Amino acid sequence: MKRICVIDGQGGGIGCTVIKKLREVLGETIEIIALGTNAIATAQMLKARANRGATGENAIVQTAPQMDIIIGPIGIVLAHAMMGEVTPRIAEAISASPAHKILLPISQERVNIAGAPNLPLPHLIDDMIANHLARLL
């Protein structure tokens, strides 16, 4: 069974939406680990039916290398992103993880991704599942 890690911060809205869609499409065929940069984000992702969850820098640093796939907004690999919630250790651990990373081009940072479609979150998630995640499962 593939272990998919969904990482989010602030209110956990992106991670929550991703997990709900993953459960809708893939059901219980995958294990979803919710990692939040704060307790609110983790709680929201657990409510969306993640199998397990943990919060904070150390949880992310220790868990990221053990995952098959990591999903989250682009900010999870940018030090000091998400209003400072993504520490340099978090960004480094995610970037260095051997897991395949699927990053959604959603950013509140001063980062633009050339060529990325300007789509609403539900469409980005549908595209992620159909065109990126499907080939990894």
Protein backbone atom coordinates (compact mmCIF):
# COMPACT_ATOMS: atom_id res chain seq x y z
CA MET A 1 0.00 0.00 0.00
CA LYS A 2 1.40 3.39 -1.01
CA ARG A 3 2.02 5.90 1.76
CA ILE A 4 1.02 9.38 0.72
CA CYS A 5 1.93 12.33 2.91
CA VAL A 6 -0.11 15.52 2.62
CA ILE A 7 1.62 18.55 4.14
CA ASP A 8 -0.08 21.87 4.81
CA GLY A 9 -0.02 24.80 7.19
CA GLN A 10 -2.04 27.77 8.36
CA GLY A 11 -5.68 26.55 8.32
CA GLY A 12 -5.05 23.28 6.50
CA GLY A 13 -7.63 24.09 3.81
CA ILE A 14 -5.50 22.94 0.88
CA GLY A 15 -4.50 19.69 2.58
CA CYS A 16 -8.07 19.04 3.67
CA THR A 17 -9.34 19.47 0.11
CA VAL A 18 -6.58 17.20 -1.26
CA ILE A 19 -7.32 14.45 1.27
CA LYS A 20 -11.08 14.54 0.66
CA LYS A 21 -10.52 14.16 -3.07
CA LEU A 22 -7.96 11.38 -2.62
CA ARG A 23 -10.45 9.46 -0.45
CA GLU A 24 -13.24 10.06 -2.96
CA VAL A 25 -11.18 8.76 -5.89
CA LEU A 26 -8.93 6.14 -4.25
CA GLY A 27 -10.88 5.13 -1.15
CA GLU A 28 -8.91 3.11 1.36
CA THR A 29 -6.37 1.74 -1.16
CA ILE A 30 -3.75 4.20 0.10
CA GLU A 31 -2.47 5.28 3.49
CA ILE A 32 -2.65 9.05 3.99
CA ILE A 33 -0.42 10.71 6.56
CA ALA A 34 -1.35 14.32 7.39
CA LEU A 35 1.52 16.53 8.49
CA GLY A 36 0.65 20.02 9.60
CA THR A 37 2.96 22.88 10.34
CA ASN A 38 0.50 23.68 13.14
CA ALA A 39 -2.17 21.82 15.14
CA ILE A 40 -5.12 23.44 13.36
CA ALA A 41 -3.89 22.28 9.95
CA THR A 42 -3.33 18.75 11.24
CA ALA A 43 -6.76 18.59 12.88
CA GLN A 44 -8.49 19.71 9.68
CA MET A 45 -6.67 17.11 7.61
CA LEU A 46 -7.52 14.36 10.11
CA LYS A 47 -11.20 15.36 9.85
CA ALA A 48 -10.87 14.87 6.09
CA ARG A 49 -10.06 11.18 6.81
CA ALA A 50 -6.28 10.99 6.88
CA ASN A 51 -5.16 7.73 8.49
CA ARG A 52 -2.74 9.43 10.85
CA GLY A 53 -1.42 12.88 11.54
CA ALA A 54 1.35 14.75 13.30
CA THR A 55 2.29 18.36 13.82
CA GLY A 56 5.40 20.47 13.69
CA GLU A 57 8.92 20.64 12.42
CA ASN A 58 10.27 17.46 13.97
CA ALA A 59 7.29 15.36 12.85
CA ILE A 60 7.74 16.57 9.27
CA VAL A 61 11.53 16.16 9.31
CA GLN A 62 11.27 12.59 10.66
CA THR A 63 8.33 11.44 8.51
CA ALA A 64 9.09 12.94 5.07
CA PRO A 65 11.94 10.51 4.26
CA GLN A 66 9.69 7.50 4.95
CA MET A 67 6.92 8.41 2.49
CA ASP A 68 6.36 7.19 -1.06
CA ILE A 69 4.67 10.40 -2.24
CA ILE A 70 4.50 13.91 -0.73
CA ILE A 71 1.72 16.29 -1.77
CA GLY A 72 1.38 19.93 -0.80
CA PRO A 73 1.45 23.53 -1.97
CA ILE A 74 4.73 24.79 -3.46
CA GLY A 75 5.44 26.65 -0.22
CA ILE A 76 6.38 23.44 1.59
CA VAL A 77 9.78 23.50 -0.12
CA LEU A 78 10.38 27.23 0.44
CA ALA A 79 12.09 28.19 3.70
CA HIS A 80 10.06 30.73 5.69
CA ALA A 81 6.95 30.27 3.54
CA MET A 82 3.40 30.14 4.93
CA MET A 83 4.00 33.19 7.13
CA GLY A 84 7.16 31.60 8.52
CA GLU A 85 5.62 28.21 9.39
CA VAL A 86 7.89 26.38 6.93
CA THR A 87 11.26 26.38 8.62
CA PRO A 88 14.49 25.82 6.71
CA ARG A 89 14.66 22.30 8.25
CA ILE A 90 11.16 21.50 6.96
CA ALA A 91 11.92 22.75 3.44
CA GLU A 92 15.21 20.82 3.38
CA ALA A 93 13.67 17.57 4.71
CA ILE A 94 10.92 17.62 2.11
CA SER A 95 13.28 18.53 -0.72
CA ALA A 96 15.81 15.86 0.28
CA SER A 97 13.21 13.13 0.83
CA PRO A 98 13.42 10.26 -1.66
CA ALA A 99 9.62 10.47 -1.96
CA HIS A 100 8.13 11.63 -5.22
CA LYS A 101 6.83 15.16 -4.69
CA ILE A 102 3.70 16.59 -6.25
CA LEU A 103 3.57 20.32 -5.56
CA LEU A 104 0.50 22.39 -6.27
CA PRO A 105 1.29 25.77 -7.85
CA ILE A 106 -0.51 27.71 -5.11
CA SER A 107 1.54 30.28 -3.28
CA GLN A 108 1.01 33.26 -1.04
CA GLU A 109 4.70 33.94 -1.36
CA ARG A 110 6.27 36.19 -3.94
CA VAL A 111 6.81 33.20 -6.21
CA ASN A 112 5.33 32.67 -9.63
CA ILE A 113 5.69 29.45 -11.57
CA ALA A 114 6.04 30.13 -15.27
CA GLY A 115 3.76 27.95 -17.34
CA ALA A 116 1.63 26.82 -14.40
CA PRO A 117 -2.08 27.09 -15.11
CA ASN A 118 -4.05 29.61 -13.11
CA LEU A 119 -6.77 27.16 -12.09
CA PRO A 120 -8.96 26.97 -9.00
CA LEU A 121 -7.88 24.46 -6.35
CA PRO A 122 -10.45 21.76 -7.23
CA HIS A 123 -9.25 21.72 -10.85
CA LEU A 124 -5.60 21.61 -9.78
CA ILE A 125 -6.35 18.61 -7.57
CA ASP A 126 -8.22 16.81 -10.36
CA ASP A 127 -5.24 17.42 -12.67
CA MET A 128 -2.81 16.25 -9.98
CA ILE A 129 -4.68 12.95 -9.52
CA ALA A 130 -5.28 12.27 -13.21
CA ASN A 131 -1.95 13.36 -14.67
CA HIS A 132 0.60 12.89 -11.89
CA LEU A 133 -0.58 10.65 -9.07
CA ALA A 134 -2.23 8.02 -11.26
CA ARG A 135 1.09 7.06 -12.87
CA LEU A 136 2.75 6.65 -9.47
CA LEU A 137 0.22 4.25 -7.97
